[in-house]
Amino acid sequence: MQLFSNGSAQIGINAESLSIIEGRQAADGTQASQQSTLVEFADKMIRNLINHTESFTVRLPNPQQGGASQEYIPQSAFQSWYNSFSRRFQANPYFWRALNNS
């Protein structure tokens, strides 16, 4: 890029055939960066789901284990999490980046 004294810039454009472009690989880090973001999103989403649903855990007797109890999470806990997460995602698709899941 060449800058001129009046503040304008010169930009070069290179036209190439589609067959040449299709044969190229993505720049180093491009795919890894996208994959890293997807992994981070999935991790934060699942941790948020776990943190939310754990607070709804109930202990009920398990008849198959002779009186021993088992922990259960009501389906409504998953539905309330989904509704909340979807609403927040629609309002701001990047809200998950600020989630602090421990």
C-alpha atoms as a PDB file:
ATOM      1  CA  MET A   1       0.000   0.000   0.000  1.00  0.00           C
ATOM      2  CA  GLN A   2       1.387   3.355  -0.954  1.00  0.00           C
ATOM      3  CA  LEU A   3       0.252   6.431   0.970  1.00  0.00           C
ATOM      4  CA  PHE A   4       0.165   9.844  -0.686  1.00  0.00           C
ATOM      5  CA  SER A   5       0.537  13.180   1.016  1.00  0.00           C
ATOM      6  CA  ASN A   6      -3.127  14.106   0.496  1.00  0.00           C
ATOM      7  CA  GLY A   7      -4.286  11.138   2.616  1.00  0.00           C
ATOM      8  CA  SER A   8      -5.436   8.815  -0.161  1.00  0.00           C
ATOM      9  CA  ALA A   9      -4.346   5.190  -0.564  1.00  0.00           C
ATOM     10  CA  GLN A  10      -3.659   2.946  -3.514  1.00  0.00           C
ATOM     11  CA  ILE A  11      -5.154  -0.559  -3.373  1.00  0.00           C
ATOM     12  CA  GLY A  12      -4.248  -3.363  -5.745  1.00  0.00           C
ATOM     13  CA  ILE A  13      -6.722  -5.973  -6.988  1.00  0.00           C
ATOM     14  CA  ASN A  14      -5.625  -9.251  -8.533  1.00  0.00           C
ATOM     15  CA  ALA A  15      -8.099 -11.171 -10.732  1.00  0.00           C
ATOM     16  CA  GLU A  16      -7.490 -14.931 -10.895  1.00  0.00           C
ATOM     17  CA  SER A  17      -9.408 -17.837 -12.358  1.00  0.00           C
ATOM     18  CA  LEU A  18     -11.722 -19.811 -10.081  1.00  0.00           C
ATOM     19  CA  SER A  19      -9.686 -23.005 -10.540  1.00  0.00           C
ATOM     20  CA  ILE A  20      -6.605 -21.305  -9.062  1.00  0.00           C
ATOM     21  CA  ILE A  21      -8.550 -19.908  -6.115  1.00  0.00           C
ATOM     22  CA  GLU A  22     -10.263 -23.238  -5.346  1.00  0.00           C
ATOM     23  CA  GLY A  23      -6.871 -24.965  -5.172  1.00  0.00           C
ATOM     24  CA  ARG A  24      -5.621 -22.711  -2.399  1.00  0.00           C
ATOM     25  CA  GLN A  25      -5.674 -23.601   1.263  1.00  0.00           C
ATOM     26  CA  ALA A  26      -6.926 -21.250   3.935  1.00  0.00           C
ATOM     27  CA  ALA A  27      -4.356 -18.983   5.520  1.00  0.00           C
ATOM     28  CA  ASP A  28      -2.543 -20.418   8.515  1.00  0.00           C
ATOM     29  CA  GLY A  29      -4.669 -20.103  11.635  1.00  0.00           C
ATOM     30  CA  THR A  30      -7.942 -19.422   9.844  1.00  0.00           C
ATOM     31  CA  GLN A  31      -9.518 -22.834  10.311  1.00  0.00           C
ATOM     32  CA  ALA A  32      -7.979 -23.321  13.744  1.00  0.00           C
ATOM     33  CA  SER A  33      -9.302 -19.951  14.866  1.00  0.00           C
ATOM     34  CA  GLN A  34     -12.841 -20.771  13.744  1.00  0.00           C
ATOM     35  CA  GLN A  35     -12.647 -24.200  15.356  1.00  0.00           C
ATOM     36  CA  SER A  36     -11.260 -22.697  18.553  1.00  0.00           C
ATOM     37  CA  THR A  37     -14.196 -20.263  18.725  1.00  0.00           C
ATOM     38  CA  LEU A  38     -16.690 -23.080  18.171  1.00  0.00           C
ATOM     39  CA  VAL A  39     -15.077 -25.188  20.896  1.00  0.00           C
ATOM     40  CA  GLU A  40     -15.098 -22.211  23.290  1.00  0.00           C
ATOM     41  CA  PHE A  41     -18.790 -21.562  22.527  1.00  0.00           C
ATOM     42  CA  ALA A  42     -19.739 -25.216  23.069  1.00  0.00           C
ATOM     43  CA  ASP A  43     -17.771 -25.383  26.319  1.00  0.00           C
ATOM     44  CA  LYS A  44     -19.345 -22.213  27.744  1.00  0.00           C
ATOM     45  CA  MET A  45     -22.828 -23.260  26.612  1.00  0.00           C
ATOM     46  CA  ILE A  46     -22.597 -26.715  28.251  1.00  0.00           C
ATOM     47  CA  ARG A  47     -21.065 -25.327  31.458  1.00  0.00           C
ATOM     48  CA  ASN A  48     -23.877 -22.775  31.616  1.00  0.00           C
ATOM     49  CA  LEU A  49     -26.442 -25.555  31.138  1.00  0.00           C
ATOM     50  CA  ILE A  50     -24.864 -27.649  33.907  1.00  0.00           C
ATOM     51  CA  ASN A  51     -24.679 -24.709  36.325  1.00  0.00           C
ATOM     52  CA  HIS A  52     -28.321 -23.843  35.670  1.00  0.00           C
ATOM     53  CA  THR A  53     -29.759 -27.349  35.906  1.00  0.00           C
ATOM     54  CA  GLU A  54     -27.752 -28.413  38.986  1.00  0.00           C
ATOM     55  CA  SER A  55     -29.777 -25.983  41.081  1.00  0.00           C
ATOM     56  CA  PHE A  56     -32.954 -27.934  40.194  1.00  0.00           C
ATOM     57  CA  THR A  57     -31.635 -31.353  41.223  1.00  0.00           C
ATOM     58  CA  VAL A  58     -34.006 -33.413  43.368  1.00  0.00           C
ATOM     59  CA  ARG A  59     -33.236 -36.649  45.185  1.00  0.00           C
ATOM     60  CA  LEU A  60     -35.851 -39.390  44.800  1.00  0.00           C
ATOM     61  CA  PRO A  61     -35.899 -43.019  45.879  1.00  0.00           C
ATOM     62  CA  ASN A  62     -34.780 -45.501  43.247  1.00  0.00           C
ATOM     63  CA  PRO A  63     -36.999 -48.591  43.473  1.00  0.00           C
ATOM     64  CA  GLN A  64     -34.523 -50.652  41.442  1.00  0.00           C
ATOM     65  CA  GLN A  65     -31.798 -50.227  44.071  1.00  0.00           C
ATOM     66  CA  GLY A  66     -33.689 -51.232  47.197  1.00  0.00           C
ATOM     67  CA  GLY A  67     -34.409 -47.840  48.707  1.00  0.00           C
ATOM     68  CA  ALA A  68     -31.273 -46.057  47.577  1.00  0.00           C
ATOM     69  CA  SER A  69     -31.902 -42.579  46.235  1.00  0.00           C
ATOM     70  CA  GLN A  70     -31.011 -41.128  42.866  1.00  0.00           C
ATOM     71  CA  GLU A  71     -30.621 -37.509  41.734  1.00  0.00           C
ATOM     72  CA  TYR A  72     -32.935 -36.252  39.001  1.00  0.00           C
ATOM     73  CA  ILE A  73     -33.234 -33.006  37.081  1.00  0.00           C
ATOM     74  CA  PRO A  74     -36.740 -32.054  35.955  1.00  0.00           C
ATOM     75  CA  GLN A  75     -37.279 -31.497  32.248  1.00  0.00           C
ATOM     76  CA  SER A  76     -38.601 -28.016  33.059  1.00  0.00           C
ATOM     77  CA  ALA A  77     -35.083 -27.013  34.187  1.00  0.00           C
ATOM     78  CA  PHE A  78     -33.755 -27.779  30.716  1.00  0.00           C
ATOM     79  CA  GLN A  79     -36.645 -25.947  29.087  1.00  0.00           C
ATOM     80  CA  SER A  80     -36.138 -22.831  31.231  1.00  0.00           C
ATOM     81  CA  TRP A  81     -32.405 -22.847  30.466  1.00  0.00           C
ATOM     82  CA  TYR A  82     -33.074 -23.225  26.729  1.00  0.00           C
ATOM     83  CA  ASN A  83     -35.616 -20.391  26.718  1.00  0.00           C
ATOM     84  CA  SER A  84     -33.235 -18.089  28.589  1.00  0.00           C
ATOM     85  CA  PHE A  85     -30.184 -19.001  26.491  1.00  0.00           C
ATOM     86  CA  SER A  86     -32.112 -18.592  23.225  1.00  0.00           C
ATOM     87  CA  ARG A  87     -33.501 -15.209  24.284  1.00  0.00           C
ATOM     88  CA  ARG A  88     -30.056 -13.944  25.275  1.00  0.00           C
ATOM     89  CA  PHE A  89     -28.485 -15.336  22.083  1.00  0.00           C
ATOM     90  CA  GLN A  90     -31.066 -13.599  19.895  1.00  0.00           C
ATOM     91  CA  ALA A  91     -30.481 -10.303  21.701  1.00  0.00           C
ATOM     92  CA  ASN A  92     -26.681 -10.604  21.472  1.00  0.00           C
ATOM     93  CA  PRO A  93     -25.073 -13.543  19.614  1.00  0.00           C
ATOM     94  CA  TYR A  94     -21.799 -12.912  21.467  1.00  0.00           C
ATOM     95  CA  PHE A  95     -23.177 -12.748  25.036  1.00  0.00           C
ATOM     96  CA  TRP A  96     -21.669 -16.167  25.748  1.00  0.00           C
ATOM     97  CA  ARG A  97     -18.166 -14.699  25.616  1.00  0.00           C
ATOM     98  CA  ALA A  98     -18.879 -12.864  28.878  1.00  0.00           C
ATOM     99  CA  LEU A  99     -20.195 -15.966  30.681  1.00  0.00           C
ATOM    100  CA  ASN A 100     -18.131 -16.777  33.730  1.00  0.00           C
ATOM    101  CA  ASN A 101     -18.784 -20.481  34.251  1.00  0.00           C
ATOM    102  CA  SER A 102     -16.841 -22.109  37.017  1.00  0.00           C
END
